Amino acid sequence: LLFIYFGLPVLGVKLDPVTAGIVALGLNSAAYQAEIFRSALKAIPEEQVLAAESLGMSTLQTYRYVVLPQAFRVAIPSLINEAVTLIKDSSLASVIGVVELTRRGEYLVAITFKPLEVFLAVALVYFIICYTISKTSKVFEKKLKIPGYRE
């Protein structure tokens, strides 16, 4: 985050704080998501691909109908975890001047002089957002679960 906001201007690329925050958090999250999808694809047994090939499916059909649906189901918990982490990491953007939830909390503390109450409220909002996403993911996991498969 700091490299993108403070380092890129040295190379002649000037980004406003919001754009720098989005780019930095997006690049960081993209690296984790790539690993999530890579490991989800590796989790599908090779026998599945061989079975699809023996049925005469092309590589595209094998991935579309056999591998990707299973890999998506495997990746859901990790993707939800990454989404929650990204929400929590967004508070780091306040370091470069992005006005988000944590920065708003700092403004309120400066006005009210009640840091405990304000930051407890900020923490509660973060908790509610992350808890809602986590519980919603459980619904998706149950809905997409294949009975008897890897229980």
Protein backbone atom coordinates (compact mmCIF):
# COMPACT_ATOMS: atom_id res chain seq x y z
CA LEU A 1 0.00 0.00 0.00
CA LEU A 2 2.73 2.41 0.96
CA PHE A 3 4.86 1.43 -2.04
CA ILE A 4 2.03 2.05 -4.47
CA TYR A 5 1.00 5.36 -2.92
CA PHE A 6 4.44 6.80 -2.09
CA GLY A 7 6.74 4.78 -4.38
CA LEU A 8 4.99 4.98 -7.74
CA PRO A 9 5.15 8.81 -7.89
CA VAL A 10 8.95 8.43 -7.99
CA LEU A 11 8.44 6.49 -11.23
CA GLY A 12 6.08 9.17 -12.55
CA VAL A 13 2.79 7.43 -11.71
CA LYS A 14 0.64 9.52 -9.37
CA LEU A 15 -2.47 7.88 -7.93
CA ASP A 16 -5.06 9.43 -5.65
CA PRO A 17 -5.41 7.68 -2.25
CA VAL A 18 -8.60 5.78 -3.10
CA THR A 19 -7.19 4.42 -6.37
CA ALA A 20 -3.90 3.50 -4.68
CA GLY A 21 -5.81 1.70 -1.94
CA ILE A 22 -7.94 -0.22 -4.43
CA VAL A 23 -4.92 -1.19 -6.54
CA ALA A 24 -2.82 -2.25 -3.54
CA LEU A 25 -5.54 -4.25 -1.82
CA GLY A 26 -6.65 -5.67 -5.17
CA LEU A 27 -3.15 -6.87 -6.06
CA ASN A 28 -2.67 -8.38 -2.62
CA SER A 29 -6.01 -10.15 -2.74
CA ALA A 30 -5.47 -11.31 -6.33
CA ALA A 31 -2.33 -13.16 -5.28
CA TYR A 32 -4.21 -15.03 -2.57
CA GLN A 33 -7.16 -15.74 -4.86
CA ALA A 34 -4.86 -17.16 -7.52
CA GLU A 35 -3.46 -19.57 -4.94
CA ILE A 36 -6.98 -20.44 -3.78
CA PHE A 37 -8.04 -21.36 -7.32
CA ARG A 38 -4.79 -23.19 -8.01
CA SER A 39 -5.16 -25.34 -4.92
CA ALA A 40 -8.87 -25.93 -5.64
CA LEU A 41 -8.00 -27.20 -9.12
CA LYS A 42 -5.26 -29.42 -7.66
CA ALA A 43 -7.76 -30.83 -5.15
CA ILE A 44 -9.81 -32.46 -7.91
CA PRO A 45 -8.59 -36.04 -8.38
CA GLU A 46 -6.88 -36.80 -11.68
CA GLU A 47 -9.27 -39.74 -12.06
CA GLN A 48 -12.08 -37.25 -12.66
CA VAL A 49 -10.27 -35.83 -15.68
CA LEU A 50 -9.41 -39.31 -16.96
CA ALA A 51 -13.02 -40.42 -16.59
CA ALA A 52 -14.23 -37.39 -18.55
CA GLU A 53 -11.69 -38.06 -21.29
CA SER A 54 -12.76 -41.71 -21.46
CA LEU A 55 -16.32 -40.50 -22.06
CA GLY A 56 -15.05 -38.56 -25.07
CA MET A 57 -15.23 -35.08 -23.56
CA SER A 58 -12.91 -32.43 -24.93
CA THR A 59 -10.59 -30.55 -22.59
CA LEU A 60 -12.99 -27.60 -22.55
CA GLN A 61 -15.95 -29.84 -21.74
CA THR A 62 -13.95 -31.64 -19.05
CA TYR A 63 -13.16 -28.40 -17.29
CA ARG A 64 -16.60 -26.87 -17.81
CA TYR A 65 -18.69 -29.81 -16.68
CA VAL A 66 -16.42 -31.82 -14.39
CA VAL A 67 -13.43 -29.96 -12.94
CA LEU A 68 -14.59 -26.36 -12.46
CA PRO A 69 -17.90 -27.12 -10.69
CA GLN A 70 -16.05 -29.28 -8.17
CA ALA A 71 -13.16 -26.83 -7.82
CA PHE A 72 -15.59 -23.97 -7.20
CA ARG A 73 -17.17 -25.91 -4.35
CA VAL A 74 -13.74 -26.57 -2.87
CA ALA A 75 -12.73 -22.90 -3.21
CA ILE A 76 -15.82 -21.34 -1.59
CA PRO A 77 -14.64 -21.41 2.06
CA SER A 78 -11.24 -19.95 1.16
CA LEU A 79 -12.78 -17.28 -1.07
CA ILE A 80 -15.14 -16.21 1.70
CA ASN A 81 -12.20 -16.08 4.10
CA GLU A 82 -10.33 -13.90 1.62
CA ALA A 83 -13.36 -11.58 1.28
CA VAL A 84 -13.51 -11.15 5.06
CA THR A 85 -9.76 -10.52 5.18
CA LEU A 86 -10.08 -7.93 2.41
CA ILE A 87 -12.78 -6.09 4.34
CA LYS A 88 -10.61 -6.02 7.44
CA ASP A 89 -7.54 -5.00 5.42
CA SER A 90 -9.44 -2.04 3.99
CA SER A 91 -8.83 -0.28 7.30
CA LEU A 92 -5.15 -0.06 6.30
CA ALA A 93 -6.12 2.40 3.58
CA SER A 94 -6.65 5.02 6.28
CA VAL A 95 -2.84 5.22 6.53
CA ILE A 96 -2.67 6.95 3.14
CA GLY A 97 -5.65 9.21 3.79
CA VAL A 98 -8.56 7.18 2.45
CA VAL A 99 -11.69 8.03 4.41
CA GLU A 100 -13.21 4.68 5.32
CA LEU A 101 -14.73 3.26 8.48
CA THR A 102 -11.60 3.47 10.64
CA ARG A 103 -10.80 7.00 9.47
CA ARG A 104 -14.39 8.07 10.20
CA GLY A 105 -13.91 6.64 13.68
CA GLU A 106 -10.79 8.75 14.13
CA TYR A 107 -12.76 11.85 13.08
CA LEU A 108 -15.49 11.03 15.59
CA VAL A 109 -12.93 10.54 18.36
CA ALA A 110 -11.47 13.97 17.57
CA ILE A 111 -14.95 15.50 17.90
CA THR A 112 -16.36 13.54 20.84
CA PHE A 113 -13.20 12.64 22.78
CA LYS A 114 -14.69 9.20 23.41
CA PRO A 115 -12.27 6.74 21.78
CA LEU A 116 -13.53 3.63 23.57
CA GLU A 117 -17.16 4.09 22.53
CA VAL A 118 -16.33 5.13 18.97
CA PHE A 119 -13.88 2.33 18.24
CA LEU A 120 -16.13 -0.24 19.89
CA ALA A 121 -18.85 0.91 17.49
CA VAL A 122 -16.41 0.69 14.55
CA ALA A 123 -15.38 -2.81 15.66
CA LEU A 124 -19.04 -3.78 15.96
CA VAL A 125 -19.72 -2.62 12.39
CA TYR A 126 -16.73 -4.62 11.10
CA PHE A 127 -17.93 -7.63 13.10
CA ILE A 128 -21.47 -7.39 11.72
CA ILE A 129 -20.21 -7.14 8.13
CA CYS A 130 -17.79 -10.05 8.49
CA TYR A 131 -20.24 -12.20 10.46
CA THR A 132 -22.94 -11.66 7.84
CA ILE A 133 -20.58 -12.66 5.04
CA SER A 134 -19.45 -15.74 6.96
CA LYS A 135 -22.99 -16.89 7.69
CA THR A 136 -24.05 -16.25 4.10
CA SER A 137 -21.15 -18.42 2.95
CA LYS A 138 -22.43 -21.30 5.08
CA VAL A 139 -25.74 -21.09 3.20
CA PHE A 140 -23.91 -21.25 -0.14
CA GLU A 141 -21.76 -24.15 1.04
CA LYS A 142 -24.83 -26.14 2.10
CA LYS A 143 -26.68 -25.31 -1.10
CA LEU A 144 -23.77 -26.32 -3.34
CA LYS A 145 -22.78 -29.40 -1.35
CA ILE A 146 -22.98 -32.73 -3.13
CA PRO A 147 -24.42 -35.36 -0.77
CA GLY A 148 -21.92 -38.07 0.04
CA TYR A 149 -19.00 -36.29 -1.65
CA ARG A 150 -15.95 -35.76 0.60
CA GLU A 151 -17.80 -35.61 3.86
